[in-house]
N, C-alpha and C. Protein backbone atom coordinates (compact mmCIF):
# COMPACT_ATOMS: atom_id res chain seq x y z
N MET A 1 106.63 122.82 48.20
CA MET A 1 107.47 121.79 48.16
C MET A 1 107.67 120.78 47.26
N LYS A 2 108.58 120.45 46.26
CA LYS A 2 108.63 119.59 45.31
C LYS A 2 109.18 118.38 45.69
N LEU A 3 108.60 117.15 45.94
CA LEU A 3 109.20 115.89 46.54
C LEU A 3 109.32 115.09 45.38
N GLU A 4 110.53 114.17 45.09
CA GLU A 4 110.74 113.31 43.89
C GLU A 4 111.06 111.95 44.36
N GLY A 5 110.56 111.13 43.51
CA GLY A 5 110.99 109.74 43.84
C GLY A 5 110.08 109.17 45.12
N ASN A 6 110.94 108.53 45.94
CA ASN A 6 110.14 108.00 47.29
C ASN A 6 110.17 109.07 48.30
N ASN A 7 110.70 110.27 48.13
CA ASN A 7 110.89 111.32 49.11
C ASN A 7 109.38 111.65 49.74
N TRP A 8 108.52 111.65 48.80
CA TRP A 8 106.91 111.72 49.15
C TRP A 8 106.53 110.80 50.32
N LEU A 9 107.15 109.42 50.17
CA LEU A 9 106.80 108.61 51.26
C LEU A 9 107.26 108.88 52.34
N ARG A 10 108.72 109.22 52.33
CA ARG A 10 109.64 109.59 53.70
C ARG A 10 108.80 110.81 54.26
N PHE A 11 108.46 111.70 53.55
CA PHE A 11 107.69 112.80 54.09
C PHE A 11 106.54 112.60 54.75
N MET A 12 105.48 111.57 54.35
CA MET A 12 104.41 111.28 54.82
C MET A 12 104.54 110.54 56.25
N LEU A 13 105.57 109.51 56.09
CA LEU A 13 105.70 108.76 57.06
C LEU A 13 106.52 109.56 58.46
N ASP A 14 107.03 110.73 58.12
CA ASP A 14 107.30 111.45 59.14
C ASP A 14 106.05 112.30 60.00
N ASP A 15 105.08 112.42 59.29
CA ASP A 15 103.90 112.97 59.45
C ASP A 15 102.89 112.31 60.38
N LEU A 16 102.76 112.56 61.72
CA LEU A 16 102.20 111.74 62.80
C LEU A 16 100.67 111.77 62.38
N LYS A 17 100.20 112.77 61.68
CA LYS A 17 98.92 113.13 61.28
C LYS A 17 98.41 112.26 60.35
N VAL A 18 99.27 111.99 59.50
CA VAL A 18 99.13 111.25 58.21
C VAL A 18 99.19 109.78 58.81
N ILE A 19 100.16 109.37 59.39
CA ILE A 19 100.33 107.94 60.07
C ILE A 19 98.89 107.69 60.67
N THR A 20 98.62 108.59 61.58
CA THR A 20 97.27 108.12 62.40
C THR A 20 95.88 108.14 61.47
N GLU A 21 96.03 108.96 60.29
CA GLU A 21 94.68 108.87 59.42
C GLU A 21 94.81 107.20 58.77
N ILE A 22 96.10 106.89 58.49
CA ILE A 22 96.20 105.62 57.62
C ILE A 22 96.07 104.52 58.61
N ASP A 23 96.64 104.51 59.79
CA ASP A 23 96.69 103.50 60.82
C ASP A 23 95.54 103.45 61.72
N LYS A 24 94.57 103.25 61.35
CA LYS A 24 93.26 103.15 62.02
C LYS A 24 93.20 102.16 63.24
N SER A 25 94.07 101.03 62.86
CA SER A 25 94.12 99.99 64.07
C SER A 25 95.14 100.05 64.99
N ASN A 26 96.08 101.36 64.89
CA ASN A 26 97.05 101.54 65.55
C ASN A 26 98.17 100.71 65.66
N MET A 27 98.29 99.90 64.48
CA MET A 27 99.38 98.83 64.39
C MET A 27 100.70 99.27 64.62
N LEU A 28 101.17 100.63 64.52
CA LEU A 28 102.51 101.13 64.88
C LEU A 28 102.68 100.75 66.23
N ASP A 29 102.05 101.28 67.15
CA ASP A 29 101.93 101.10 68.66
C ASP A 29 102.04 99.58 69.04
N ALA A 30 101.43 98.78 68.39
CA ALA A 30 101.22 97.18 68.69
C ALA A 30 102.56 96.64 68.17
N VAL A 31 103.23 96.92 66.98
CA VAL A 31 104.50 96.71 66.58
C VAL A 31 105.47 96.92 67.60
N ALA A 32 105.47 98.42 68.01
CA ALA A 32 106.54 99.15 68.99
C ALA A 32 106.33 98.20 70.32
N SER A 33 105.07 97.94 70.81
CA SER A 33 105.34 97.30 72.08
C SER A 33 105.33 95.86 72.22
N PHE A 34 105.49 95.23 70.68
CA PHE A 34 105.95 93.81 70.56
C PHE A 34 106.93 93.18 71.67
N PRO A 35 108.21 93.70 71.75
CA PRO A 35 109.14 93.27 72.73
C PRO A 35 108.50 93.11 74.17
N ASP A 36 107.70 94.09 74.63
CA ASP A 36 106.93 94.04 75.99
C ASP A 36 106.13 92.89 76.14
N HIS A 37 105.29 92.61 75.00
CA HIS A 37 104.36 91.28 75.04
C HIS A 37 104.89 90.18 75.03
N ILE A 38 106.18 90.06 74.22
CA ILE A 38 106.88 88.93 74.38
C ILE A 38 107.38 88.65 75.94
N THR A 39 108.08 89.46 76.49
CA THR A 39 108.53 89.54 77.95
C THR A 39 107.46 89.17 78.63
N GLU A 40 106.24 89.71 78.68
CA GLU A 40 105.10 89.38 79.51
C GLU A 40 104.58 87.96 79.22
N SER A 41 104.49 87.40 77.77
CA SER A 41 104.13 86.26 77.68
C SER A 41 105.29 85.23 78.31
N LYS A 42 106.51 85.54 78.10
CA LYS A 42 107.28 84.31 78.57
C LYS A 42 107.20 84.26 80.36
N ASN A 43 106.88 85.54 80.80
CA ASN A 43 106.92 85.62 82.40
C ASN A 43 105.47 84.78 82.71
N ILE A 44 104.40 84.67 81.86
CA ILE A 44 103.24 84.30 82.03
C ILE A 44 103.47 82.86 82.07
N VAL A 45 104.00 82.24 81.03
CA VAL A 45 104.51 80.82 80.58
C VAL A 45 105.30 80.26 81.66
N GLU A 46 106.18 81.00 81.96
CA GLU A 46 107.23 80.40 83.10
C GLU A 46 106.74 80.08 84.52
N SER A 47 105.45 81.07 84.56
CA SER A 47 104.84 80.86 86.14
C SER A 47 103.64 80.13 86.08
N SER A 48 103.27 79.38 85.12
CA SER A 48 102.05 78.47 84.96
C SER A 48 102.81 77.04 84.92
N SER A 49 101.83 76.23 85.13
CA SER A 49 101.95 74.74 85.03
C SER A 49 100.76 74.25 84.67
N PHE A 50 100.33 74.25 83.46
CA PHE A 50 99.52 73.71 82.77
C PHE A 50 99.61 72.05 82.52
N GLY A 51 100.76 71.62 82.37
CA GLY A 51 100.87 70.51 82.14
C GLY A 51 100.54 69.38 83.56
N SER A 52 100.50 69.86 84.59
CA SER A 52 100.33 69.00 85.57
C SER A 52 98.86 69.11 85.91
N ILE A 53 97.94 70.02 85.39
CA ILE A 53 96.65 69.96 85.39
C ILE A 53 95.85 69.38 84.34
N TYR A 54 96.26 69.47 83.14
CA TYR A 54 95.59 68.81 81.98
C TYR A 54 96.46 67.97 81.40
N LYS A 55 95.72 66.73 80.69
CA LYS A 55 96.50 65.69 79.90
C LYS A 55 96.26 66.53 78.58
N ILE A 56 97.60 66.80 77.85
CA ILE A 56 97.73 66.85 76.55
C ILE A 56 98.54 66.20 75.84
N ASP A 57 98.01 65.49 74.77
CA ASP A 57 98.70 64.55 73.92
C ASP A 57 99.46 65.07 72.55
N ASP A 58 98.84 66.43 72.19
CA ASP A 58 99.43 67.24 70.99
C ASP A 58 98.73 68.82 71.21
N ILE A 59 99.43 69.29 70.29
CA ILE A 59 99.46 70.92 70.26
C ILE A 59 99.05 71.16 68.77
N VAL A 60 97.88 71.97 68.61
CA VAL A 60 97.73 72.39 67.32
C VAL A 60 97.74 74.14 67.48
N ILE A 61 98.35 74.61 66.64
CA ILE A 61 98.52 76.08 66.56
C ILE A 61 97.87 76.46 65.23
N SER A 62 96.88 77.23 65.46
CA SER A 62 95.98 77.53 64.28
C SER A 62 96.09 79.01 63.93
N GLY A 63 96.20 79.38 62.90
CA GLY A 63 96.37 81.08 62.51
C GLY A 63 96.69 80.97 60.91
N MET A 64 96.83 82.37 60.44
CA MET A 64 97.03 82.65 59.14
C MET A 64 97.98 83.86 59.35
N GLY A 65 99.00 83.83 58.17
CA GLY A 65 99.88 84.96 58.28
C GLY A 65 101.00 85.02 59.29
N ALA A 66 101.07 86.21 60.11
CA ALA A 66 101.78 86.24 61.28
C ALA A 66 101.62 85.35 62.27
N SER A 67 100.37 84.94 62.30
CA SER A 67 99.92 84.21 63.39
C SER A 67 100.13 82.93 63.36
N SER A 68 100.28 82.24 62.05
CA SER A 68 100.81 81.00 62.00
C SER A 68 102.26 80.87 61.73
N ILE A 69 102.88 81.87 61.38
CA ILE A 69 104.55 81.89 61.65
C ILE A 69 104.74 81.89 63.15
N ALA A 70 104.24 82.55 63.87
CA ALA A 70 104.34 82.41 65.29
C ALA A 70 104.09 80.92 65.51
N GLY A 71 103.44 79.98 65.21
CA GLY A 71 103.06 78.92 65.43
C GLY A 71 104.53 77.97 64.84
N ASP A 72 104.93 78.26 63.63
CA ASP A 72 106.33 77.98 63.08
C ASP A 72 107.49 78.05 64.01
N ILE A 73 107.33 79.21 64.64
CA ILE A 73 108.67 79.54 65.54
C ILE A 73 108.50 78.79 66.79
N LEU A 74 107.05 78.58 67.34
CA LEU A 74 107.12 77.76 68.68
C LEU A 74 107.34 76.22 68.22
N GLN A 75 107.12 75.90 66.95
CA GLN A 75 107.30 74.63 66.67
C GLN A 75 108.70 74.18 66.49
N CYS A 76 109.57 74.88 66.05
CA CYS A 76 110.96 74.87 65.75
C CYS A 76 111.59 74.99 67.47
N LEU A 77 111.01 75.79 68.02
CA LEU A 77 111.57 76.32 69.36
C LEU A 77 111.49 75.02 70.36
N PHE A 78 110.38 74.28 70.39
CA PHE A 78 110.03 73.42 71.28
C PHE A 78 110.28 71.86 70.67
N ARG A 79 110.89 71.99 69.27
CA ARG A 79 110.89 70.63 68.78
C ARG A 79 111.66 69.60 69.49
N ASP A 80 112.85 70.11 70.08
CA ASP A 80 113.65 69.13 71.12
C ASP A 80 113.46 69.43 72.66
N ARG A 81 112.48 69.99 73.02
CA ARG A 81 112.10 70.23 74.25
C ARG A 81 111.35 69.50 74.88
N ILE A 82 110.12 69.24 74.04
CA ILE A 82 108.71 68.84 74.74
C ILE A 82 108.56 67.35 73.88
N GLU A 83 107.95 66.32 74.22
CA GLU A 83 107.69 65.17 73.90
C GLU A 83 106.31 64.84 73.15
N ILE A 84 105.73 66.08 72.91
CA ILE A 84 104.36 65.86 72.35
C ILE A 84 104.47 66.69 70.90
N PRO A 85 103.73 66.22 70.16
CA PRO A 85 104.01 67.13 68.58
C PRO A 85 102.91 68.34 68.86
N ILE A 86 103.92 69.08 67.84
CA ILE A 86 103.17 70.50 67.63
C ILE A 86 102.81 70.73 66.12
N TYR A 87 101.54 70.99 65.66
CA TYR A 87 100.98 71.03 64.32
C TYR A 87 100.58 72.43 64.12
N VAL A 88 101.19 73.06 63.19
CA VAL A 88 100.83 74.41 62.52
C VAL A 88 99.67 74.21 61.57
N ASN A 89 98.47 74.66 61.93
CA ASN A 89 97.20 74.52 60.93
C ASN A 89 96.91 76.05 60.36
N ARG A 90 96.71 75.79 59.03
CA ARG A 90 96.30 76.95 58.15
C ARG A 90 95.14 76.69 57.54
N GLN A 91 94.39 76.08 58.01
CA GLN A 91 93.12 75.27 57.43
C GLN A 91 91.78 75.70 58.01
N TYR A 92 90.64 75.78 57.35
CA TYR A 92 89.51 75.79 58.13
C TYR A 92 88.88 74.75 59.11
N ASP A 93 89.33 73.76 59.18
CA ASP A 93 89.04 72.51 59.89
C ASP A 93 90.46 72.25 60.60
N LEU A 94 90.16 71.18 61.45
CA LEU A 94 91.42 70.53 62.21
C LEU A 94 91.66 69.24 61.78
N PRO A 95 92.91 68.86 61.93
CA PRO A 95 93.05 67.24 61.43
C PRO A 95 92.09 66.35 62.35
N LYS A 96 91.74 65.33 61.64
CA LYS A 96 90.77 64.36 62.16
C LYS A 96 91.33 63.80 63.50
N TRP A 97 92.61 63.52 64.03
CA TRP A 97 93.17 63.18 65.13
C TRP A 97 92.77 64.00 66.29
N THR A 98 92.55 65.31 66.09
CA THR A 98 92.27 66.05 67.10
C THR A 98 91.30 65.42 68.04
N ASN A 99 91.41 65.88 69.51
CA ASN A 99 90.16 65.47 70.28
C ASN A 99 90.49 66.17 71.74
N LYS A 100 89.77 65.62 72.77
CA LYS A 100 89.64 66.26 74.13
C LYS A 100 91.08 66.57 74.66
N ASN A 101 92.15 65.75 74.19
CA ASN A 101 93.62 65.77 74.80
C ASN A 101 94.36 66.64 73.68
N THR A 102 93.81 67.41 72.97
CA THR A 102 94.49 68.41 72.07
C THR A 102 94.47 69.69 72.69
N LEU A 103 95.63 70.30 72.78
CA LEU A 103 95.62 71.65 73.16
C LEU A 103 95.62 72.49 71.68
N LEU A 104 94.53 73.25 71.52
CA LEU A 104 94.39 74.02 70.16
C LEU A 104 94.68 75.57 70.83
N ILE A 105 95.61 76.26 70.23
CA ILE A 105 95.93 77.54 70.28
C ILE A 105 95.57 78.20 68.85
N SER A 106 94.52 79.25 69.18
CA SER A 106 93.81 79.74 67.96
C SER A 106 94.39 81.29 67.90
N GLN A 107 95.03 81.59 66.92
CA GLN A 107 95.68 83.03 66.92
C GLN A 107 95.07 83.77 65.95
N SER A 108 94.60 85.07 66.22
CA SER A 108 94.33 86.08 65.29
C SER A 108 94.26 87.41 65.75
N TYR A 109 95.22 88.21 65.16
CA TYR A 109 95.53 89.73 65.61
C TYR A 109 94.21 90.30 65.65
N SER A 110 93.39 90.38 64.69
CA SER A 110 92.15 91.15 64.64
C SER A 110 90.98 90.23 65.38
N GLY A 111 91.25 88.91 65.50
CA GLY A 111 90.21 88.43 66.29
C GLY A 111 89.08 87.78 65.31
N ASN A 112 89.15 88.11 63.88
CA ASN A 112 88.05 87.81 63.10
C ASN A 112 88.59 87.28 61.76
N THR A 113 89.75 86.64 61.90
CA THR A 113 90.20 85.70 60.81
C THR A 113 89.20 84.61 60.48
N GLU A 114 88.78 84.26 59.29
CA GLU A 114 87.61 83.07 58.99
C GLU A 114 88.27 81.82 59.53
N GLU A 115 89.44 81.54 59.01
CA GLU A 115 89.96 80.00 59.15
C GLU A 115 90.25 79.94 60.74
N THR A 116 90.35 80.79 61.52
CA THR A 116 90.74 80.71 62.92
C THR A 116 89.57 80.38 63.74
N LEU A 117 88.41 81.26 63.42
CA LEU A 117 87.42 81.08 63.99
C LEU A 117 86.63 79.94 63.77
N SER A 118 86.83 79.47 62.34
CA SER A 118 86.48 78.04 61.86
C SER A 118 86.90 77.04 62.65
N THR A 119 88.37 76.89 62.97
CA THR A 119 88.86 75.87 63.50
C THR A 119 88.69 75.90 65.13
N PHE A 120 88.46 77.29 65.68
CA PHE A 120 88.08 77.46 66.89
C PHE A 120 86.66 76.70 67.24
N LYS A 121 85.70 76.85 66.41
CA LYS A 121 84.47 76.11 66.52
C LYS A 121 84.56 74.61 66.42
N HIS A 122 85.42 74.23 65.56
CA HIS A 122 85.58 72.76 65.45
C HIS A 122 86.20 72.17 66.64
N GLY A 123 87.35 72.76 66.97
CA GLY A 123 87.85 72.29 68.14
C GLY A 123 86.96 72.44 69.57
N TYR A 124 86.16 73.48 69.59
CA TYR A 124 85.29 73.41 70.53
C TYR A 124 84.14 72.18 70.55
N GLN A 125 83.85 71.97 69.37
CA GLN A 125 83.00 70.83 69.05
C GLN A 125 83.81 69.46 69.51
N LYS A 126 84.85 69.20 69.33
CA LYS A 126 85.94 68.18 69.50
C LYS A 126 86.18 68.09 71.03
N ARG A 127 85.72 69.23 71.93
CA ARG A 127 85.98 69.45 73.29
C ARG A 127 87.76 69.65 73.47
N CYS A 128 88.41 70.19 72.60
CA CYS A 128 89.72 70.40 72.63
C CYS A 128 90.02 71.51 73.67
N LYS A 129 91.06 71.48 74.26
CA LYS A 129 91.44 72.44 75.49
C LYS A 129 91.77 73.82 74.34
N ILE A 130 91.38 74.70 74.60
CA ILE A 130 91.79 75.91 73.68
C ILE A 130 92.37 77.00 74.28
N ILE A 131 93.34 77.68 73.83
CA ILE A 131 93.66 78.97 74.34
C ILE A 131 93.45 80.04 73.20
N GLY A 132 93.05 81.11 73.13
CA GLY A 132 92.87 82.03 72.35
C GLY A 132 93.83 83.33 72.41
N VAL A 133 94.29 83.56 71.18
CA VAL A 133 95.45 84.73 71.25
C VAL A 133 94.90 85.90 70.41
N SER A 134 94.24 87.02 70.79
CA SER A 134 93.68 88.07 69.84
C SER A 134 93.95 89.35 70.33
N SER A 135 93.59 90.44 69.75
CA SER A 135 93.34 91.74 70.31
C SER A 135 91.97 92.39 70.48
N GLY A 136 91.00 91.08 70.24
CA GLY A 136 89.62 91.46 70.21
C GLY A 136 88.88 90.74 69.25
N GLY A 137 87.84 91.15 68.81
CA GLY A 137 87.02 90.62 67.70
C GLY A 137 86.25 89.14 68.02
N LYS A 138 85.65 88.34 67.07
CA LYS A 138 84.98 87.47 67.53
C LYS A 138 85.88 86.35 68.21
N LEU A 139 86.98 86.14 68.01
CA LEU A 139 87.65 85.45 69.02
C LEU A 139 87.82 85.62 70.14
N GLU A 140 87.96 86.84 70.65
CA GLU A 140 87.67 87.15 72.29
C GLU A 140 86.37 86.72 72.58
N GLU A 141 85.27 87.02 71.87
CA GLU A 141 83.78 86.82 72.17
C GLU A 141 83.99 85.24 72.55
N PHE A 142 84.29 84.34 71.44
CA PHE A 142 84.38 82.81 71.72
C PHE A 142 84.90 82.49 72.90
N CYS A 143 86.05 83.09 73.22
CA CYS A 143 86.92 82.52 74.48
C CYS A 143 86.09 83.09 75.70
N GLU A 144 85.58 83.91 75.57
CA GLU A 144 84.81 84.60 76.92
C GLU A 144 83.55 83.63 77.14
């Protein structure tokens, strides 16, 4: 069979065996189940009452790539809904003002993003309240 132009790519992407060989982390299934994860997350948040348990003065969302984009979305979504600031952090360290009343949300799909792990450690040292979001890796180990 002779494939010209981008037809070879379409042929490969229709072959489940080829996809399985390329997609070692099973990202295709992760992306396909993303709407279910959003619904589950929404249900968890709506049934939780963290605000009444903890004093939180500010929120820092730490991540890179898509994880930081999720932070940007949350920052926009809650801009006019909550009275505490949300800061999206894409650095190896945290702003000087973070402290025990900061909620740090550390996000890394792999759980091994250097910047996110570094800010997690800084947040732990500063006694921030920390939530980790990951599919595993070192971040999951740190949270445990």
